[in-house]
Amino acid sequence: MPYSFIRKISFGFLLLATLFIAPIQSFAGEQLQGSFTGASDHITTGTVTVTKEGNDYVVVLGSDFSFDGAPDPKVGFGTSGEYDIKSQLGHLDSNTGEQKYKIPADLNIESYNEIYIWCERFSVPLGVAKIR
């Protein structure tokens, strides 16, 4: 086989690997962080991180997390002011303190730039943290 043909095939495999593997690797080892601000007349404060623990990615509300309370609060992701109901990680475990929420493997966290405390009953944000 000609050398140029082998180079083209090698380049094709490299391109495919970059397209399909790079998005996952770009987050690997990094930690996204943010701080909550209240929304909808609620007080929500504290830090939040998205990090890898073992083979899983998790959202970690910091020990300084505090929320003034509301019915049916959930934790999830959003983008640029829009909550995504499909990204919901679960019911808020506690109004204060550190807590962790496992991110499902099929959820593309790179498509989000915010973490929400969301009131499902009334469909309003209770707290939002921009993550970087």
N, C-alpha and C. Protein backbone atom coordinates (compact mmCIF):
# COMPACT_ATOMS: atom_id res chain seq x y z
N MET A 1 0.83 -1.19 0.00
CA MET A 1 0.00 0.00 0.00
C MET A 1 0.87 1.25 0.00
N PRO A 2 0.46 2.22 -0.76
CA PRO A 2 1.22 3.47 -0.77
C PRO A 2 1.18 4.15 0.59
N TYR A 3 2.28 4.82 0.88
CA TYR A 3 2.43 5.52 2.16
C TYR A 3 1.34 6.59 2.34
N SER A 4 0.96 7.32 1.29
CA SER A 4 -0.04 8.39 1.40
C SER A 4 -1.40 7.82 1.78
N PHE A 5 -1.73 6.63 1.29
CA PHE A 5 -3.00 5.99 1.65
C PHE A 5 -3.04 5.67 3.15
N ILE A 6 -1.95 5.14 3.67
CA ILE A 6 -1.86 4.82 5.10
C ILE A 6 -1.96 6.10 5.93
N ARG A 7 -1.31 7.16 5.49
CA ARG A 7 -1.40 8.45 6.20
C ARG A 7 -2.83 8.96 6.24
N LYS A 8 -3.56 8.82 5.13
CA LYS A 8 -4.96 9.28 5.07
C LYS A 8 -5.82 8.48 6.03
N ILE A 9 -5.64 7.19 6.06
CA ILE A 9 -6.41 6.35 6.98
C ILE A 9 -6.07 6.71 8.43
N SER A 10 -4.79 6.88 8.73
CA SER A 10 -4.38 7.26 10.08
C SER A 10 -4.99 8.59 10.48
N PHE A 11 -4.97 9.55 9.56
CA PHE A 11 -5.56 10.85 9.84
C PHE A 11 -7.06 10.71 10.10
N GLY A 12 -7.73 9.84 9.32
CA GLY A 12 -9.17 9.62 9.51
C GLY A 12 -9.48 9.07 10.90
N PHE A 13 -8.68 8.10 11.34
CA PHE A 13 -8.89 7.56 12.69
C PHE A 13 -8.62 8.60 13.75
N LEU A 14 -7.59 9.41 13.56
CA LEU A 14 -7.28 10.48 14.51
C LEU A 14 -8.41 11.50 14.57
N LEU A 15 -8.96 11.85 13.41
CA LEU A 15 -10.07 12.80 13.36
C LEU A 15 -11.29 12.24 14.09
N LEU A 16 -11.63 10.98 13.83
CA LEU A 16 -12.77 10.36 14.51
C LEU A 16 -12.55 10.30 16.02
N ALA A 17 -11.35 9.94 16.43
CA ALA A 17 -11.05 9.89 17.86
C ALA A 17 -11.19 11.26 18.49
N THR A 18 -10.76 12.29 17.79
CA THR A 18 -10.87 13.65 18.31
C THR A 18 -12.33 14.06 18.44
N LEU A 19 -13.13 13.72 17.45
CA LEU A 19 -14.54 14.11 17.48
C LEU A 19 -15.32 13.41 18.57
N PHE A 20 -15.03 12.12 18.80
CA PHE A 20 -15.82 11.35 19.74
C PHE A 20 -15.23 11.25 21.14
N ILE A 21 -13.93 11.38 21.28
CA ILE A 21 -13.31 11.22 22.58
C ILE A 21 -12.98 12.56 23.22
N ALA A 22 -12.60 13.54 22.45
CA ALA A 22 -12.17 14.83 22.98
C ALA A 22 -13.19 15.49 23.90
N PRO A 23 -14.51 15.50 23.59
CA PRO A 23 -15.44 16.15 24.50
C PRO A 23 -15.41 15.54 25.90
N ILE A 24 -15.26 14.24 25.99
CA ILE A 24 -15.21 13.59 27.29
C ILE A 24 -13.90 13.93 27.99
N GLN A 25 -12.80 13.89 27.26
CA GLN A 25 -11.51 14.16 27.86
C GLN A 25 -11.35 15.62 28.26
N SER A 26 -12.03 16.53 27.57
CA SER A 26 -11.85 17.94 27.89
C SER A 26 -12.36 18.25 29.29
N PHE A 27 -13.30 17.47 29.80
CA PHE A 27 -13.77 17.67 31.16
C PHE A 27 -12.99 16.82 32.15
N ALA A 28 -12.41 15.72 31.69
CA ALA A 28 -11.69 14.81 32.58
C ALA A 28 -10.59 15.54 33.34
N GLY A 29 -10.60 15.38 34.63
CA GLY A 29 -9.57 15.97 35.46
C GLY A 29 -9.85 17.41 35.84
N GLU A 30 -10.78 18.05 35.16
CA GLU A 30 -11.12 19.42 35.49
C GLU A 30 -12.24 19.42 36.53
N GLN A 31 -12.44 20.57 37.10
CA GLN A 31 -13.51 20.72 38.08
C GLN A 31 -14.24 22.00 37.74
N LEU A 32 -15.53 21.90 37.52
CA LEU A 32 -16.34 23.09 37.29
C LEU A 32 -16.83 23.59 38.63
N GLN A 33 -16.86 24.92 38.79
CA GLN A 33 -17.28 25.50 40.06
C GLN A 33 -18.21 26.67 39.83
N GLY A 34 -19.00 26.98 40.86
CA GLY A 34 -19.87 28.14 40.82
C GLY A 34 -20.38 28.45 42.20
N SER A 35 -21.13 29.56 42.29
CA SER A 35 -21.75 29.99 43.55
C SER A 35 -23.21 30.30 43.27
N PHE A 36 -24.06 29.86 44.17
CA PHE A 36 -25.49 30.07 44.01
C PHE A 36 -25.90 31.51 44.33
N THR A 37 -26.89 31.95 43.58
CA THR A 37 -27.63 33.17 43.92
C THR A 37 -29.10 32.79 43.93
N GLY A 38 -29.85 33.45 44.78
CA GLY A 38 -31.27 33.15 44.90
C GLY A 38 -32.05 33.58 43.67
N ALA A 39 -33.23 33.01 43.54
CA ALA A 39 -34.13 33.35 42.43
C ALA A 39 -35.56 33.24 42.91
N SER A 40 -36.46 33.93 42.24
CA SER A 40 -37.89 33.87 42.57
C SER A 40 -38.15 34.21 44.03
N ASP A 41 -37.47 35.24 44.53
CA ASP A 41 -37.61 35.72 45.91
C ASP A 41 -37.17 34.70 46.95
N HIS A 42 -36.27 33.80 46.59
CA HIS A 42 -35.71 32.84 47.54
C HIS A 42 -34.24 33.14 47.76
N ILE A 43 -33.77 32.76 48.94
CA ILE A 43 -32.37 32.95 49.29
C ILE A 43 -31.66 31.60 49.15
N THR A 44 -30.73 31.56 48.22
CA THR A 44 -29.92 30.37 47.98
C THR A 44 -28.47 30.83 47.87
N THR A 45 -27.61 30.28 48.71
CA THR A 45 -26.20 30.67 48.71
C THR A 45 -25.32 29.44 48.83
N GLY A 46 -24.04 29.64 48.58
CA GLY A 46 -23.07 28.57 48.75
C GLY A 46 -22.45 28.15 47.43
N THR A 47 -21.46 27.29 47.56
CA THR A 47 -20.70 26.84 46.40
C THR A 47 -21.22 25.51 45.87
N VAL A 48 -20.88 25.26 44.62
CA VAL A 48 -21.22 24.00 43.98
C VAL A 48 -20.07 23.64 43.04
N THR A 49 -19.76 22.35 42.96
CA THR A 49 -18.75 21.87 42.03
C THR A 49 -19.29 20.68 41.25
N VAL A 50 -18.75 20.51 40.07
CA VAL A 50 -18.99 19.30 39.29
C VAL A 50 -17.62 18.67 39.17
N THR A 51 -17.51 17.45 39.63
CA THR A 51 -16.21 16.80 39.68
C THR A 51 -16.36 15.31 39.40
N LYS A 52 -15.24 14.66 39.22
CA LYS A 52 -15.24 13.22 38.99
C LYS A 52 -14.84 12.51 40.27
N GLU A 53 -15.61 11.51 40.63
CA GLU A 53 -15.30 10.65 41.79
C GLU A 53 -15.30 9.22 41.30
N GLY A 54 -14.14 8.63 41.24
CA GLY A 54 -14.04 7.28 40.69
C GLY A 54 -14.38 7.32 39.22
N ASN A 55 -15.37 6.53 38.82
CA ASN A 55 -15.81 6.52 37.42
C ASN A 55 -17.02 7.42 37.17
N ASP A 56 -17.50 8.07 38.21
CA ASP A 56 -18.72 8.87 38.10
C ASP A 56 -18.43 10.36 38.18
N TYR A 57 -19.29 11.14 37.53
CA TYR A 57 -19.29 12.59 37.72
C TYR A 57 -20.39 12.92 38.70
N VAL A 58 -20.13 13.87 39.58
CA VAL A 58 -21.10 14.24 40.60
C VAL A 58 -21.20 15.76 40.73
N VAL A 59 -22.37 16.20 41.13
CA VAL A 59 -22.58 17.59 41.54
C VAL A 59 -22.47 17.58 43.05
N VAL A 60 -21.62 18.47 43.59
CA VAL A 60 -21.41 18.54 45.03
C VAL A 60 -21.81 19.94 45.50
N LEU A 61 -22.85 20.00 46.31
CA LEU A 61 -23.19 21.26 46.97
C LEU A 61 -22.26 21.37 48.16
N GLY A 62 -21.62 22.52 48.32
CA GLY A 62 -20.62 22.70 49.35
C GLY A 62 -21.17 22.72 50.76
N SER A 63 -20.28 22.63 51.74
CA SER A 63 -20.69 22.67 53.15
C SER A 63 -21.31 24.03 53.49
N ASP A 64 -21.04 25.04 52.67
CA ASP A 64 -21.60 26.38 52.89
C ASP A 64 -22.96 26.57 52.20
N PHE A 65 -23.50 25.51 51.56
CA PHE A 65 -24.78 25.61 50.86
C PHE A 65 -25.91 25.90 51.84
N SER A 66 -26.78 26.83 51.45
CA SER A 66 -27.95 27.16 52.27
C SER A 66 -29.10 27.60 51.36
N PHE A 67 -30.27 27.13 51.69
CA PHE A 67 -31.49 27.42 50.91
C PHE A 67 -32.61 27.68 51.90
N ASP A 68 -33.42 28.71 51.66
CA ASP A 68 -34.45 29.10 52.63
C ASP A 68 -35.70 28.22 52.61
N GLY A 69 -35.79 27.30 51.69
CA GLY A 69 -36.88 26.34 51.68
C GLY A 69 -38.01 26.70 50.73
N ALA A 70 -38.59 25.67 50.14
CA ALA A 70 -39.73 25.79 49.24
C ALA A 70 -40.23 24.37 48.97
N PRO A 71 -41.44 24.25 48.46
CA PRO A 71 -41.93 22.90 48.16
C PRO A 71 -41.26 22.31 46.94
N ASP A 72 -40.99 21.03 46.98
CA ASP A 72 -40.57 20.24 45.84
C ASP A 72 -39.28 20.71 45.16
N PRO A 73 -38.20 21.01 45.92
CA PRO A 73 -36.96 21.45 45.27
C PRO A 73 -36.18 20.29 44.65
N LYS A 74 -35.71 20.52 43.45
CA LYS A 74 -34.93 19.52 42.72
C LYS A 74 -33.59 20.13 42.34
N VAL A 75 -32.62 19.28 41.99
CA VAL A 75 -31.30 19.70 41.54
C VAL A 75 -31.16 19.28 40.09
N GLY A 76 -30.69 20.21 39.25
CA GLY A 76 -30.51 19.89 37.84
C GLY A 76 -29.67 20.93 37.14
N PHE A 77 -29.55 20.77 35.84
CA PHE A 77 -28.73 21.65 35.02
C PHE A 77 -29.58 22.55 34.14
N GLY A 78 -28.95 23.61 33.65
CA GLY A 78 -29.57 24.49 32.68
C GLY A 78 -28.51 25.18 31.86
N THR A 79 -28.99 25.95 30.90
CA THR A 79 -28.09 26.68 30.02
C THR A 79 -28.62 28.09 29.82
N SER A 80 -27.79 29.06 30.15
CA SER A 80 -28.07 30.47 29.87
C SER A 80 -29.49 30.90 30.27
N GLY A 81 -29.86 30.57 31.49
CA GLY A 81 -31.15 31.00 32.02
C GLY A 81 -32.31 30.07 31.78
N GLU A 82 -32.07 28.93 31.17
CA GLU A 82 -33.14 27.97 30.87
C GLU A 82 -32.85 26.64 31.56
N TYR A 83 -33.73 26.26 32.49
CA TYR A 83 -33.61 24.97 33.17
C TYR A 83 -34.01 23.84 32.22
N ASP A 84 -33.30 22.72 32.28
CA ASP A 84 -33.61 21.55 31.46
C ASP A 84 -34.16 20.45 32.35
N ILE A 85 -35.45 20.23 32.28
CA ILE A 85 -36.11 19.23 33.12
C ILE A 85 -35.50 17.84 32.93
N LYS A 86 -34.97 17.55 31.73
CA LYS A 86 -34.37 16.23 31.45
C LYS A 86 -33.05 16.04 32.19
N SER A 87 -32.51 17.12 32.75
CA SER A 87 -31.22 17.03 33.44
C SER A 87 -31.38 16.83 34.94
N GLN A 88 -32.59 16.68 35.39
CA GLN A 88 -32.87 16.59 36.83
C GLN A 88 -32.12 15.43 37.48
N LEU A 89 -31.40 15.75 38.56
CA LEU A 89 -30.59 14.75 39.26
C LEU A 89 -31.30 14.15 40.46
N GLY A 90 -32.32 14.82 40.97
CA GLY A 90 -33.05 14.30 42.10
C GLY A 90 -33.56 15.40 43.01
N HIS A 91 -34.26 14.98 44.03
CA HIS A 91 -34.82 15.89 45.03
C HIS A 91 -33.69 16.43 45.91
N LEU A 92 -33.74 17.71 46.25
CA LEU A 92 -32.76 18.31 47.15
C LEU A 92 -32.84 17.57 48.49
N ASP A 93 -31.71 17.01 48.93
CA ASP A 93 -31.68 16.20 50.14
C ASP A 93 -31.87 17.02 51.42
N SER A 94 -31.29 18.22 51.43
CA SER A 94 -31.31 19.04 52.64
C SER A 94 -31.23 20.51 52.24
N ASN A 95 -31.76 21.39 53.07
CA ASN A 95 -31.70 22.83 52.79
C ASN A 95 -30.34 23.42 53.14
N THR A 96 -29.49 22.66 53.81
CA THR A 96 -28.16 23.17 54.17
C THR A 96 -27.13 22.06 54.06
N GLY A 97 -25.89 22.49 53.86
CA GLY A 97 -24.76 21.57 53.96
C GLY A 97 -24.41 20.81 52.70
N GLU A 98 -23.30 20.07 52.83
CA GLU A 98 -22.77 19.31 51.70
C GLU A 98 -23.69 18.16 51.33
N GLN A 99 -23.86 17.99 50.04
CA GLN A 99 -24.63 16.87 49.50
C GLN A 99 -24.17 16.60 48.08
N LYS A 100 -24.33 15.33 47.65
CA LYS A 100 -23.82 14.91 46.35
C LYS A 100 -24.94 14.29 45.53
N TYR A 101 -24.85 14.54 44.21
CA TYR A 101 -25.82 14.03 43.27
C TYR A 101 -25.08 13.44 42.08
N LYS A 102 -25.25 12.15 41.85
CA LYS A 102 -24.58 11.47 40.74
C LYS A 102 -25.20 11.92 39.42
N ILE A 103 -24.33 12.19 38.46
CA ILE A 103 -24.77 12.59 37.13
C ILE A 103 -24.86 11.33 36.27
N PRO A 104 -26.02 11.09 35.66
CA PRO A 104 -26.14 9.90 34.80
C PRO A 104 -25.11 9.94 33.67
N ALA A 105 -24.57 8.78 33.32
CA ALA A 105 -23.52 8.69 32.30
C ALA A 105 -23.98 9.21 30.94
N ASP A 106 -25.28 9.13 30.66
CA ASP A 106 -25.77 9.58 29.35
C ASP A 106 -26.10 11.07 29.29
N LEU A 107 -25.88 11.80 30.38
CA LEU A 107 -26.14 13.24 30.41
C LEU A 107 -24.88 13.98 29.99
N ASN A 108 -24.95 14.74 28.92
CA ASN A 108 -23.79 15.48 28.41
C ASN A 108 -23.65 16.78 29.20
N ILE A 109 -22.84 16.77 30.24
CA ILE A 109 -22.72 17.94 31.11
C ILE A 109 -22.03 19.11 30.43
N GLU A 110 -21.33 18.84 29.34
CA GLU A 110 -20.66 19.93 28.63
C GLU A 110 -21.64 20.86 27.92
N SER A 111 -22.89 20.45 27.78
CA SER A 111 -23.86 21.30 27.11
C SER A 111 -24.57 22.25 28.08
N TYR A 112 -24.15 22.24 29.35
CA TYR A 112 -24.78 23.09 30.37
C TYR A 112 -23.76 24.06 30.97
N ASN A 113 -24.25 25.21 31.42
CA ASN A 113 -23.37 26.17 32.10
C ASN A 113 -23.95 26.67 33.42
N GLU A 114 -25.02 26.01 33.90
CA GLU A 114 -25.65 26.40 35.16
C GLU A 114 -26.15 25.16 35.91
N ILE A 115 -26.18 25.30 37.24
CA ILE A 115 -26.82 24.30 38.09
C ILE A 115 -27.98 25.00 38.80
N TYR A 116 -29.10 24.31 38.85
CA TYR A 116 -30.31 24.89 39.41
C TYR A 116 -30.78 24.16 40.66
N ILE A 117 -31.34 24.92 41.57
CA ILE A 117 -32.27 24.39 42.55
C ILE A 117 -33.62 24.84 41.99
N TRP A 118 -34.46 23.89 41.65
CA TRP A 118 -35.66 24.15 40.86
C TRP A 118 -36.90 23.67 41.61
N CYS A 119 -37.93 24.49 41.63
CA CYS A 119 -39.21 24.09 42.22
C CYS A 119 -40.04 23.44 41.13
N GLU A 120 -40.17 22.13 41.21
CA GLU A 120 -40.92 21.42 40.18
C GLU A 120 -42.41 21.72 40.27
N ARG A 121 -42.92 21.86 41.47
CA ARG A 121 -44.35 22.11 41.63
C ARG A 121 -44.81 23.39 40.93
N PHE A 122 -44.01 24.46 41.05
CA PHE A 122 -44.41 25.74 40.47
C PHE A 122 -43.58 26.13 39.24
N SER A 123 -42.66 25.26 38.83
CA SER A 123 -41.82 25.50 37.64
C SER A 123 -41.10 26.84 37.68
N VAL A 124 -40.40 27.08 38.80
CA VAL A 124 -39.61 28.31 38.94
C VAL A 124 -38.25 27.98 39.53
N PRO A 125 -37.23 28.78 39.17
CA PRO A 125 -35.92 28.58 39.78
C PRO A 125 -35.91 29.10 41.21
N LEU A 126 -35.22 28.41 42.08
CA LEU A 126 -35.07 28.82 43.48
C LEU A 126 -33.65 29.29 43.75
N GLY A 127 -32.71 28.82 42.96
CA GLY A 127 -31.32 29.23 43.04
C GLY A 127 -30.60 28.78 41.78
N VAL A 128 -29.65 29.59 41.33
CA VAL A 128 -28.90 29.28 40.12
C VAL A 128 -27.43 29.56 40.37
N ALA A 129 -26.59 28.65 39.89
CA ALA A 129 -25.13 28.84 39.96
C ALA A 129 -24.56 28.69 38.58
N LYS A 130 -23.88 29.69 38.09
CA LYS A 130 -23.15 29.60 36.82
C LYS A 130 -21.88 28.81 37.11
N ILE A 131 -21.62 27.80 36.31
CA ILE A 131 -20.44 26.96 36.53
C ILE A 131 -19.43 27.19 35.42
N ARG A 132 -18.15 27.25 35.84
CA ARG A 132 -17.05 27.44 34.89
C ARG A 132 -15.92 26.49 35.25
